[in-house]
């Protein structure tokens, strides 16, 4: 299930359980960087929402499951940050190449 299919209430609940999700927010980025970041945001919310849906037979969310999900989300956040930085670096390199050609 995608994060969008989870709905706003599922996303809010996931953000309450996994505060790291706030760092996936990308509306403050320029549109071309939002396009790089958005798939990671959707994946992160999807992972969190699905983790919370695990059938626990009435038991509370186990600490080990929370810790592992949270660790995975932190690694996904790192991957998202790397992807955004790679896009910026590639764009800057292309701009420098164009500047050299023009001179």
Foldseek 3Di string as FASTA:
>chain_A
DWLVVCPPVLLVVLCVLAVLLVLLDDPPDDPVLCVLSVVLSRVLSVLSSVLCVPCPVPDDNDPVSSVVNNVVNVVSSVVSVVSSVVVVVVVVVVVVVVVVVVD
